[in-house]
């Protein structure tokens, strides 16, 4: 990538990684809205949301092998599971569980960042930590806004989350490309 020119394969990788992260934030928002309103489509949406971890698994397995792909998928699955439980705790006014899950979400983001920083020499743990912590905090803010029926704020936050997702996707794709480009 040093020449400033990317190949068709590199462009396709960037597009695919962006698609996965875009779907992650989109399906998460659909889930949050559905869970807050107790919509009947919630089981279908949650199944689709959790399918994203498999999508990431298959993509990363090609580049980093099964073990690393499984570990990546486990971090994103843990993130989604904690978000599901966080919404339940917020709906039940269970502040102790809310506090515990918020800490766990941040710890998961830090562990995920450390893993990614070791996985590829072109990824920095500090950059991953910043991106994933932003992702977590904005997702929690989105839940709070949706629960408060602050629709303007919810849309503003989603726009932020979408931008963070693109930053994450681009950083992920760039690291993959750099690690496999002479």
N, C-alpha and C. Protein backbone atom coordinates (compact mmCIF):
# COMPACT_ATOMS: atom_id res chain seq x y z
N UNK A 1 0.81 -1.21 0.00
CA UNK A 1 0.00 0.00 0.00
C UNK A 1 0.85 1.26 0.00
N UNK A 2 2.14 1.12 0.02
CA UNK A 2 3.02 2.27 0.06
C UNK A 2 2.91 3.16 -1.16
N UNK A 3 2.46 2.63 -2.28
CA UNK A 3 2.37 3.41 -3.51
C UNK A 3 1.12 4.28 -3.56
N UNK A 4 0.21 4.08 -2.65
CA UNK A 4 -1.05 4.82 -2.68
C UNK A 4 -2.08 4.19 -3.59
N UNK A 5 -1.73 3.09 -4.22
CA UNK A 5 -2.64 2.39 -5.11
C UNK A 5 -3.01 1.06 -4.45
N UNK A 6 -4.30 0.77 -4.45
CA UNK A 6 -4.73 -0.50 -3.88
C UNK A 6 -5.25 -1.40 -4.99
N UNK A 7 -5.13 -2.67 -4.76
CA UNK A 7 -5.59 -3.64 -5.76
C UNK A 7 -7.09 -3.85 -5.61
N UNK A 8 -7.64 -4.52 -6.58
CA UNK A 8 -9.07 -4.86 -6.51
C UNK A 8 -9.35 -5.75 -5.30
N UNK A 9 -8.46 -6.70 -5.03
CA UNK A 9 -8.62 -7.57 -3.88
C UNK A 9 -8.59 -6.80 -2.57
N UNK A 10 -7.69 -5.83 -2.46
CA UNK A 10 -7.61 -5.01 -1.26
C UNK A 10 -8.89 -4.18 -1.09
N UNK A 11 -9.36 -3.61 -2.19
CA UNK A 11 -10.61 -2.84 -2.14
C UNK A 11 -11.77 -3.72 -1.71
N UNK A 12 -11.82 -4.93 -2.23
CA UNK A 12 -12.90 -5.86 -1.84
C UNK A 12 -12.82 -6.20 -0.36
N UNK A 13 -11.60 -6.37 0.16
CA UNK A 13 -11.44 -6.64 1.59
C UNK A 13 -11.96 -5.46 2.42
N UNK A 14 -11.57 -4.26 2.04
CA UNK A 14 -12.03 -3.06 2.76
C UNK A 14 -13.55 -3.00 2.74
N UNK A 15 -14.15 -3.22 1.58
CA UNK A 15 -15.61 -3.18 1.47
C UNK A 15 -16.26 -4.26 2.33
N UNK A 16 -15.69 -5.45 2.34
CA UNK A 16 -16.26 -6.56 3.11
C UNK A 16 -16.18 -6.29 4.61
N UNK A 17 -15.04 -5.81 5.08
CA UNK A 17 -14.89 -5.51 6.50
C UNK A 17 -15.82 -4.38 6.90
N UNK A 18 -15.93 -3.36 6.07
CA UNK A 18 -16.86 -2.27 6.36
C UNK A 18 -18.30 -2.79 6.41
N UNK A 19 -18.65 -3.68 5.50
CA UNK A 19 -20.00 -4.25 5.49
C UNK A 19 -20.28 -4.99 6.80
N UNK A 20 -19.32 -5.80 7.26
CA UNK A 20 -19.53 -6.54 8.51
C UNK A 20 -19.73 -5.59 9.69
N UNK A 21 -18.90 -4.55 9.78
CA UNK A 21 -19.05 -3.62 10.91
C UNK A 21 -20.33 -2.79 10.77
N UNK A 22 -20.69 -2.42 9.55
CA UNK A 22 -21.95 -1.70 9.35
C UNK A 22 -23.13 -2.56 9.78
N UNK A 23 -23.10 -3.85 9.42
CA UNK A 23 -24.16 -4.75 9.84
C UNK A 23 -24.17 -4.93 11.35
N UNK A 24 -22.99 -4.96 11.95
CA UNK A 24 -22.91 -5.10 13.41
C UNK A 24 -23.65 -3.97 14.10
N UNK A 25 -23.37 -2.73 13.70
CA UNK A 25 -24.01 -1.60 14.39
C UNK A 25 -25.48 -1.48 14.01
N UNK A 26 -25.81 -1.82 12.79
CA UNK A 26 -27.20 -1.74 12.36
C UNK A 26 -28.06 -2.76 13.10
N UNK A 27 -27.60 -4.03 13.12
CA UNK A 27 -28.39 -5.05 13.80
C UNK A 27 -28.41 -4.84 15.31
N UNK A 28 -27.34 -4.25 15.86
CA UNK A 28 -27.34 -3.93 17.29
C UNK A 28 -28.41 -2.87 17.57
N UNK A 29 -28.49 -1.85 16.72
CA UNK A 29 -29.51 -0.81 16.93
C UNK A 29 -30.91 -1.41 16.80
N UNK A 30 -31.10 -2.25 15.79
CA UNK A 30 -32.41 -2.91 15.65
C UNK A 30 -32.74 -3.69 16.91
N UNK A 31 -31.74 -4.42 17.43
CA UNK A 31 -31.97 -5.20 18.65
C UNK A 31 -32.31 -4.30 19.82
N UNK A 32 -31.56 -3.24 20.02
CA UNK A 32 -31.82 -2.34 21.14
C UNK A 32 -33.25 -1.81 21.06
N UNK A 33 -33.65 -1.34 19.90
CA UNK A 33 -35.00 -0.81 19.74
C UNK A 33 -36.05 -1.88 20.02
N UNK A 34 -35.83 -3.06 19.49
CA UNK A 34 -36.77 -4.15 19.66
C UNK A 34 -36.85 -4.57 21.13
N UNK A 35 -35.71 -4.68 21.79
CA UNK A 35 -35.68 -5.11 23.19
C UNK A 35 -36.32 -4.07 24.10
N UNK A 36 -36.06 -2.81 23.84
CA UNK A 36 -36.62 -1.74 24.68
C UNK A 36 -38.15 -1.73 24.56
N UNK A 37 -38.64 -1.98 23.36
CA UNK A 37 -40.10 -1.95 23.13
C UNK A 37 -40.77 -3.31 23.31
N UNK A 38 -39.97 -4.35 23.58
CA UNK A 38 -40.49 -5.71 23.68
C UNK A 38 -41.24 -6.12 22.41
N UNK A 39 -40.64 -5.80 21.28
CA UNK A 39 -41.25 -6.15 19.99
C UNK A 39 -41.21 -7.66 19.77
N UNK A 40 -42.19 -8.18 19.05
CA UNK A 40 -42.22 -9.63 18.80
C UNK A 40 -41.11 -10.12 17.87
N UNK A 41 -40.45 -9.19 17.17
CA UNK A 41 -39.37 -9.61 16.26
C UNK A 41 -38.03 -9.78 16.98
N UNK A 42 -38.01 -9.55 18.28
CA UNK A 42 -36.76 -9.59 19.03
C UNK A 42 -35.98 -10.90 18.86
N UNK A 43 -36.60 -12.08 18.96
CA UNK A 43 -35.82 -13.32 18.79
C UNK A 43 -35.17 -13.45 17.40
N UNK A 44 -35.87 -13.01 16.38
CA UNK A 44 -35.33 -13.07 15.03
C UNK A 44 -34.16 -12.11 14.88
N UNK A 45 -34.31 -10.92 15.41
CA UNK A 45 -33.25 -9.92 15.31
C UNK A 45 -32.02 -10.37 16.10
N UNK A 46 -32.21 -10.91 17.27
CA UNK A 46 -31.06 -11.33 18.07
C UNK A 46 -30.30 -12.48 17.39
N UNK A 47 -31.02 -13.38 16.74
CA UNK A 47 -30.35 -14.45 16.00
C UNK A 47 -29.49 -13.86 14.88
N UNK A 48 -30.04 -12.89 14.18
CA UNK A 48 -29.29 -12.25 13.09
C UNK A 48 -28.09 -11.48 13.63
N UNK A 49 -28.28 -10.79 14.74
CA UNK A 49 -27.18 -10.05 15.36
C UNK A 49 -26.03 -10.98 15.71
N UNK A 50 -26.34 -12.09 16.35
CA UNK A 50 -25.29 -13.01 16.78
C UNK A 50 -24.66 -13.76 15.61
N UNK A 51 -25.32 -13.78 14.45
CA UNK A 51 -24.71 -14.38 13.26
C UNK A 51 -23.49 -13.58 12.80
N UNK A 52 -23.42 -12.31 13.18
CA UNK A 52 -22.28 -11.49 12.78
C UNK A 52 -20.95 -12.03 13.29
N UNK A 53 -20.96 -12.62 14.48
CA UNK A 53 -19.69 -13.14 15.00
C UNK A 53 -19.16 -14.25 14.09
N UNK A 54 -20.07 -15.04 13.50
CA UNK A 54 -19.65 -16.08 12.56
C UNK A 54 -19.10 -15.46 11.27
N UNK A 55 -19.71 -14.37 10.83
CA UNK A 55 -19.21 -13.68 9.63
C UNK A 55 -17.77 -13.21 9.84
N UNK A 56 -17.53 -12.60 11.01
CA UNK A 56 -16.17 -12.16 11.33
C UNK A 56 -15.22 -13.35 11.42
N UNK A 57 -15.70 -14.41 12.02
CA UNK A 57 -14.88 -15.62 12.17
C UNK A 57 -14.38 -16.10 10.80
N UNK A 58 -15.29 -16.26 9.85
CA UNK A 58 -14.91 -16.77 8.53
C UNK A 58 -13.95 -15.83 7.80
N UNK A 59 -14.17 -14.54 7.94
CA UNK A 59 -13.28 -13.58 7.30
C UNK A 59 -11.87 -13.67 7.89
N UNK A 60 -11.77 -13.64 9.20
CA UNK A 60 -10.45 -13.62 9.84
C UNK A 60 -9.74 -14.96 9.78
N UNK A 61 -10.50 -16.04 9.69
CA UNK A 61 -9.89 -17.37 9.62
C UNK A 61 -8.99 -17.47 8.38
N UNK A 62 -9.41 -16.87 7.30
CA UNK A 62 -8.64 -16.89 6.05
C UNK A 62 -7.25 -16.29 6.27
N UNK A 63 -7.17 -15.22 7.06
CA UNK A 63 -5.92 -14.49 7.22
C UNK A 63 -5.11 -14.92 8.44
N UNK A 64 -5.78 -15.27 9.52
CA UNK A 64 -5.07 -15.48 10.79
C UNK A 64 -5.24 -16.87 11.38
N UNK A 65 -6.03 -17.72 10.73
CA UNK A 65 -6.21 -19.07 11.22
C UNK A 65 -7.40 -19.20 12.16
N UNK A 66 -7.72 -20.44 12.44
CA UNK A 66 -8.91 -20.78 13.20
C UNK A 66 -8.87 -20.23 14.64
N UNK A 67 -7.77 -20.44 15.32
CA UNK A 67 -7.68 -20.05 16.72
C UNK A 67 -7.88 -18.54 16.91
N UNK A 68 -7.18 -17.75 16.12
CA UNK A 68 -7.32 -16.29 16.23
C UNK A 68 -8.73 -15.84 15.84
N UNK A 69 -9.28 -16.45 14.81
CA UNK A 69 -10.64 -16.08 14.38
C UNK A 69 -11.66 -16.44 15.45
N UNK A 70 -11.48 -17.59 16.09
CA UNK A 70 -12.39 -17.97 17.18
C UNK A 70 -12.29 -16.99 18.35
N UNK A 71 -11.09 -16.59 18.66
CA UNK A 71 -10.91 -15.66 19.78
C UNK A 71 -11.55 -14.31 19.46
N UNK A 72 -11.36 -13.80 18.23
CA UNK A 72 -11.99 -12.56 17.81
C UNK A 72 -13.51 -12.69 17.93
N UNK A 73 -14.05 -13.78 17.41
CA UNK A 73 -15.50 -14.00 17.47
C UNK A 73 -15.99 -14.06 18.91
N UNK A 74 -15.17 -14.63 19.80
CA UNK A 74 -15.59 -14.71 21.20
C UNK A 74 -15.68 -13.33 21.84
N UNK A 75 -14.80 -12.41 21.45
CA UNK A 75 -14.87 -11.05 22.00
C UNK A 75 -16.13 -10.33 21.53
N UNK A 76 -16.45 -10.46 20.26
CA UNK A 76 -17.64 -9.76 19.75
C UNK A 76 -18.91 -10.41 20.31
N UNK A 77 -18.90 -11.73 20.49
CA UNK A 77 -20.04 -12.41 21.10
C UNK A 77 -20.21 -11.98 22.54
N UNK A 78 -19.12 -11.88 23.29
CA UNK A 78 -19.19 -11.42 24.69
C UNK A 78 -19.73 -10.00 24.75
N UNK A 79 -19.30 -9.16 23.83
CA UNK A 79 -19.80 -7.78 23.78
C UNK A 79 -21.32 -7.78 23.59
N UNK A 80 -21.78 -8.52 22.60
CA UNK A 80 -23.22 -8.54 22.31
C UNK A 80 -24.01 -9.14 23.47
N UNK A 81 -23.51 -10.19 24.07
CA UNK A 81 -24.21 -10.82 25.20
C UNK A 81 -24.35 -9.86 26.36
N UNK A 82 -23.29 -9.12 26.64
CA UNK A 82 -23.36 -8.16 27.75
C UNK A 82 -24.33 -7.02 27.44
N UNK A 83 -24.39 -6.61 26.18
CA UNK A 83 -25.36 -5.57 25.80
C UNK A 83 -26.78 -6.08 26.01
N UNK A 84 -27.04 -7.31 25.62
CA UNK A 84 -28.37 -7.90 25.82
C UNK A 84 -28.74 -7.88 27.30
N UNK A 85 -27.82 -8.32 28.15
CA UNK A 85 -28.09 -8.36 29.59
C UNK A 85 -28.17 -6.95 30.19
N UNK A 86 -27.39 -6.03 29.64
CA UNK A 86 -27.43 -4.64 30.12
C UNK A 86 -28.81 -4.03 29.88
N UNK A 87 -29.36 -4.27 28.72
CA UNK A 87 -30.70 -3.74 28.43
C UNK A 87 -31.71 -4.30 29.43
N UNK A 88 -31.64 -5.59 29.68
CA UNK A 88 -32.54 -6.21 30.67
C UNK A 88 -32.37 -5.56 32.04
N UNK A 89 -31.13 -5.36 32.46
CA UNK A 89 -30.86 -4.76 33.76
C UNK A 89 -31.38 -3.32 33.83
N UNK A 90 -31.19 -2.58 32.76
CA UNK A 90 -31.71 -1.20 32.73
C UNK A 90 -33.23 -1.19 32.79
N UNK A 91 -33.86 -2.09 32.07
CA UNK A 91 -35.32 -2.15 32.08
C UNK A 91 -35.86 -2.53 33.47
N UNK A 92 -35.07 -3.32 34.20
CA UNK A 92 -35.48 -3.76 35.54
C UNK A 92 -34.95 -2.86 36.65
N UNK A 93 -34.33 -1.75 36.27
CA UNK A 93 -33.75 -0.82 37.25
C UNK A 93 -32.80 -1.52 38.22
N UNK A 94 -32.04 -2.46 37.72
CA UNK A 94 -31.08 -3.21 38.51
C UNK A 94 -29.71 -2.54 38.37
N UNK A 95 -29.48 -1.51 39.17
CA UNK A 95 -28.27 -0.69 39.04
C UNK A 95 -26.99 -1.48 39.33
N UNK A 96 -27.05 -2.42 40.24
CA UNK A 96 -25.86 -3.23 40.54
C UNK A 96 -25.43 -4.02 39.31
N UNK A 97 -26.38 -4.64 38.63
CA UNK A 97 -26.06 -5.40 37.42
C UNK A 97 -25.62 -4.47 36.29
N UNK A 98 -26.27 -3.31 36.17
CA UNK A 98 -25.87 -2.32 35.17
C UNK A 98 -24.40 -1.94 35.38
N UNK A 99 -24.03 -1.65 36.62
CA UNK A 99 -22.65 -1.27 36.92
C UNK A 99 -21.67 -2.40 36.59
N UNK A 100 -22.02 -3.61 36.99
CA UNK A 100 -21.15 -4.77 36.74
C UNK A 100 -20.98 -4.99 35.23
N UNK A 101 -22.07 -4.95 34.49
CA UNK A 101 -22.00 -5.18 33.04
C UNK A 101 -21.24 -4.08 32.32
N UNK A 102 -21.37 -2.85 32.78
CA UNK A 102 -20.62 -1.75 32.19
C UNK A 102 -19.12 -1.95 32.38
N UNK A 103 -18.74 -2.37 33.57
CA UNK A 103 -17.33 -2.69 33.82
C UNK A 103 -16.89 -3.85 32.93
N UNK A 104 -17.70 -4.88 32.82
CA UNK A 104 -17.35 -6.04 31.99
C UNK A 104 -17.24 -5.67 30.51
N UNK A 105 -18.11 -4.79 30.04
CA UNK A 105 -18.02 -4.34 28.65
C UNK A 105 -16.69 -3.64 28.40
N UNK A 106 -16.29 -2.79 29.33
CA UNK A 106 -15.02 -2.08 29.18
C UNK A 106 -13.83 -3.01 29.31
N UNK A 107 -13.90 -3.96 30.23
CA UNK A 107 -12.82 -4.95 30.35
C UNK A 107 -12.71 -5.81 29.09
N UNK A 108 -13.84 -6.20 28.54
CA UNK A 108 -13.84 -6.98 27.30
C UNK A 108 -13.20 -6.17 26.17
N UNK A 109 -13.54 -4.88 26.09
CA UNK A 109 -12.94 -4.02 25.06
C UNK A 109 -11.43 -3.94 25.24
N UNK A 110 -10.97 -3.81 26.47
CA UNK A 110 -9.52 -3.74 26.72
C UNK A 110 -8.83 -5.05 26.39
N UNK A 111 -9.46 -6.17 26.78
CA UNK A 111 -8.88 -7.48 26.46
C UNK A 111 -8.86 -7.72 24.95
N UNK A 112 -9.92 -7.31 24.29
CA UNK A 112 -10.03 -7.42 22.84
C UNK A 112 -8.91 -6.62 22.18
N UNK A 113 -8.71 -5.38 22.67
CA UNK A 113 -7.66 -4.51 22.14
C UNK A 113 -6.28 -5.14 22.33
N UNK A 114 -6.04 -5.71 23.50
CA UNK A 114 -4.75 -6.35 23.76
C UNK A 114 -4.54 -7.53 22.82
N UNK A 115 -5.57 -8.31 22.63
CA UNK A 115 -5.50 -9.45 21.71
C UNK A 115 -5.17 -8.98 20.30
N UNK A 116 -5.89 -7.98 19.82
CA UNK A 116 -5.66 -7.49 18.45
C UNK A 116 -4.28 -6.88 18.31
N UNK A 117 -3.81 -6.18 19.35
CA UNK A 117 -2.48 -5.59 19.31
C UNK A 117 -1.38 -6.62 19.19
N UNK A 118 -1.63 -7.82 19.70
CA UNK A 118 -0.65 -8.91 19.60
C UNK A 118 -0.84 -9.74 18.34
N UNK A 119 -2.01 -9.67 17.76
CA UNK A 119 -2.37 -10.51 16.62
C UNK A 119 -1.68 -10.08 15.33
N UNK A 120 -1.43 -8.79 15.21
CA UNK A 120 -0.91 -8.26 13.95
C UNK A 120 0.06 -7.12 14.28
N UNK A 121 1.27 -7.14 13.74
CA UNK A 121 2.23 -6.08 14.06
C UNK A 121 1.83 -4.70 13.53
N UNK A 122 0.83 -4.66 12.66
CA UNK A 122 0.37 -3.38 12.12
C UNK A 122 -0.83 -2.81 12.88
N UNK A 123 -1.18 -3.44 13.98
CA UNK A 123 -2.24 -2.94 14.85
C UNK A 123 -1.64 -2.59 16.20
N UNK A 124 -1.99 -1.41 16.68
CA UNK A 124 -1.52 -0.93 17.98
C UNK A 124 -2.62 -1.13 19.02
N UNK A 125 -2.25 -1.71 20.14
CA UNK A 125 -3.22 -1.93 21.22
C UNK A 125 -3.87 -0.62 21.66
N UNK A 126 -3.09 0.45 21.76
CA UNK A 126 -3.66 1.73 22.22
C UNK A 126 -4.71 2.25 21.24
N UNK A 127 -4.46 2.08 19.94
CA UNK A 127 -5.46 2.51 18.95
C UNK A 127 -6.71 1.65 19.04
N UNK A 128 -6.53 0.34 19.19
CA UNK A 128 -7.69 -0.54 19.34
C UNK A 128 -8.46 -0.20 20.60
N UNK A 129 -7.75 0.07 21.69
CA UNK A 129 -8.43 0.41 22.95
C UNK A 129 -9.29 1.66 22.78
N UNK A 130 -8.73 2.67 22.14
CA UNK A 130 -9.49 3.91 21.92
C UNK A 130 -10.73 3.63 21.07
N UNK A 131 -10.57 2.90 19.98
CA UNK A 131 -11.69 2.60 19.09
C UNK A 131 -12.76 1.77 19.79
N UNK A 132 -12.34 0.72 20.47
CA UNK A 132 -13.32 -0.18 21.10
C UNK A 132 -13.98 0.45 22.32
N UNK A 133 -13.24 1.26 23.09
CA UNK A 133 -13.86 1.97 24.21
C UNK A 133 -14.90 2.97 23.71
N UNK A 134 -14.59 3.66 22.63
CA UNK A 134 -15.57 4.58 22.02
C UNK A 134 -16.80 3.82 21.56
N UNK A 135 -16.57 2.68 20.95
CA UNK A 135 -17.67 1.84 20.48
C UNK A 135 -18.57 1.42 21.64
N UNK A 136 -17.97 0.98 22.73
CA UNK A 136 -18.74 0.56 23.90
C UNK A 136 -19.50 1.73 24.50
N UNK A 137 -18.82 2.84 24.74
CA UNK A 137 -19.49 3.96 25.42
C UNK A 137 -20.63 4.52 24.57
N UNK A 138 -20.42 4.61 23.27
CA UNK A 138 -21.49 5.13 22.42
C UNK A 138 -22.66 4.14 22.32
N UNK A 139 -22.37 2.85 22.35
CA UNK A 139 -23.45 1.86 22.34
C UNK A 139 -24.29 1.97 23.62
N UNK A 140 -23.63 2.13 24.75
CA UNK A 140 -24.36 2.31 26.02
C UNK A 140 -25.17 3.60 25.97
N UNK A 141 -24.58 4.67 25.46
CA UNK A 141 -25.31 5.93 25.33
C UNK A 141 -26.53 5.78 24.42
N UNK A 142 -26.38 4.99 23.37
CA UNK A 142 -27.49 4.75 22.45
C UNK A 142 -28.64 4.04 23.17
N UNK A 143 -28.31 3.06 23.99
CA UNK A 143 -29.34 2.34 24.75
C UNK A 143 -30.09 3.32 25.65
N UNK A 144 -29.36 4.14 26.36
CA UNK A 144 -29.97 5.11 27.28
C UNK A 144 -30.87 6.08 26.52
N UNK A 145 -30.41 6.57 25.38
CA UNK A 145 -31.22 7.51 24.59
C UNK A 145 -32.49 6.85 24.08
N UNK A 146 -32.38 5.63 23.61
CA UNK A 146 -33.57 4.93 23.09
C UNK A 146 -34.55 4.65 24.23
N UNK A 147 -34.02 4.24 25.39
CA UNK A 147 -34.91 3.98 26.52
C UNK A 147 -35.60 5.25 26.99
N UNK A 148 -34.92 6.39 26.89
CA UNK A 148 -35.51 7.68 27.30
C UNK A 148 -36.40 8.27 26.21
N UNK A 149 -36.50 7.57 25.08
CA UNK A 149 -37.26 8.04 23.93
C UNK A 149 -36.76 9.40 23.44
N UNK A 150 -35.46 9.60 23.57
CA UNK A 150 -34.81 10.80 23.05
C UNK A 150 -34.33 10.45 21.63
N UNK A 151 -35.26 10.54 20.70
CA UNK A 151 -35.01 10.05 19.36
C UNK A 151 -33.95 10.85 18.61
N UNK A 152 -33.93 12.16 18.79
CA UNK A 152 -32.91 12.99 18.15
C UNK A 152 -31.52 12.59 18.63
N UNK A 153 -31.38 12.44 19.94
CA UNK A 153 -30.10 12.04 20.51
C UNK A 153 -29.72 10.64 20.06
N UNK A 154 -30.70 9.75 19.99
CA UNK A 154 -30.44 8.39 19.53
C UNK A 154 -29.89 8.34 18.12
N UNK A 155 -30.45 9.17 17.25
CA UNK A 155 -29.96 9.23 15.87
C UNK A 155 -28.56 9.85 15.83
N UNK A 156 -28.34 10.90 16.61
CA UNK A 156 -27.02 11.53 16.66
C UNK A 156 -25.96 10.52 17.14
N UNK A 157 -26.31 9.77 18.17
CA UNK A 157 -25.38 8.78 18.70
C UNK A 157 -25.14 7.67 17.68
N UNK A 158 -26.20 7.25 16.99
CA UNK A 158 -26.01 6.21 15.98
C UNK A 158 -25.08 6.69 14.87
N UNK A 159 -25.20 7.94 14.48
CA UNK A 159 -24.27 8.49 13.49
C UNK A 159 -22.83 8.38 13.99
N UNK A 160 -22.61 8.67 15.28
CA UNK A 160 -21.27 8.53 15.86
C UNK A 160 -20.81 7.08 15.83
N UNK A 161 -21.71 6.18 16.21
CA UNK A 161 -21.37 4.75 16.23
C UNK A 161 -21.02 4.28 14.82
N UNK A 162 -21.77 4.72 13.85
CA UNK A 162 -21.49 4.32 12.48
C UNK A 162 -20.10 4.80 12.05
N UNK A 163 -19.75 6.03 12.41
CA UNK A 163 -18.42 6.54 12.08
C UNK A 163 -17.32 5.76 12.79
N UNK A 164 -17.56 5.41 14.06
CA UNK A 164 -16.59 4.60 14.80
C UNK A 164 -16.45 3.23 14.13
N UNK A 165 -17.56 2.65 13.71
CA UNK A 165 -17.52 1.34 13.04
C UNK A 165 -16.69 1.42 11.77
N UNK A 166 -16.81 2.50 11.01
CA UNK A 166 -16.00 2.65 9.80
C UNK A 166 -14.52 2.81 10.16
N UNK A 167 -14.23 3.53 11.23
CA UNK A 167 -12.83 3.65 11.67
C UNK A 167 -12.27 2.29 12.05
N UNK A 168 -13.07 1.52 12.80
CA UNK A 168 -12.64 0.18 13.21
C UNK A 168 -12.42 -0.69 11.97
N UNK A 169 -13.37 -0.67 11.06
CA UNK A 169 -13.27 -1.49 9.85
C UNK A 169 -12.04 -1.12 9.02
N UNK A 170 -11.81 0.17 8.86
CA UNK A 170 -10.67 0.61 8.06
C UNK A 170 -9.35 0.24 8.73
N UNK A 171 -9.28 0.37 10.04
CA UNK A 171 -8.06 0.01 10.76
C UNK A 171 -7.82 -1.50 10.67
N UNK A 172 -8.88 -2.27 10.82
CA UNK A 172 -8.79 -3.73 10.71
C UNK A 172 -8.31 -4.12 9.30
N UNK A 173 -8.97 -3.59 8.29
CA UNK A 173 -8.62 -3.93 6.90
C UNK A 173 -7.21 -3.47 6.56
N UNK A 174 -6.85 -2.27 6.97
CA UNK A 174 -5.51 -1.76 6.67
C UNK A 174 -4.43 -2.64 7.30
N UNK A 175 -4.67 -3.09 8.51
CA UNK A 175 -3.70 -3.97 9.16
C UNK A 175 -3.58 -5.30 8.45
N UNK A 176 -4.69 -5.84 8.00
CA UNK A 176 -4.65 -7.11 7.25
C UNK A 176 -3.87 -6.90 5.95
N UNK A 177 -4.20 -5.85 5.24
CA UNK A 177 -3.53 -5.58 3.95
C UNK A 177 -2.04 -5.40 4.16
N UNK A 178 -1.66 -4.60 5.15
CA UNK A 178 -0.24 -4.34 5.38
C UNK A 178 0.51 -5.61 5.78
N UNK A 179 -0.15 -6.49 6.51
CA UNK A 179 0.55 -7.70 6.97
C UNK A 179 0.74 -8.72 5.84
N UNK A 180 0.01 -8.56 4.75
CA UNK A 180 0.12 -9.51 3.65
C UNK A 180 0.60 -8.85 2.36
N UNK A 181 1.10 -7.63 2.46
CA UNK A 181 1.61 -6.93 1.29
C UNK A 181 3.11 -6.73 1.46
N UNK A 182 3.89 -7.18 0.49
CA UNK A 182 5.36 -7.03 0.60
C UNK A 182 5.80 -5.59 0.57
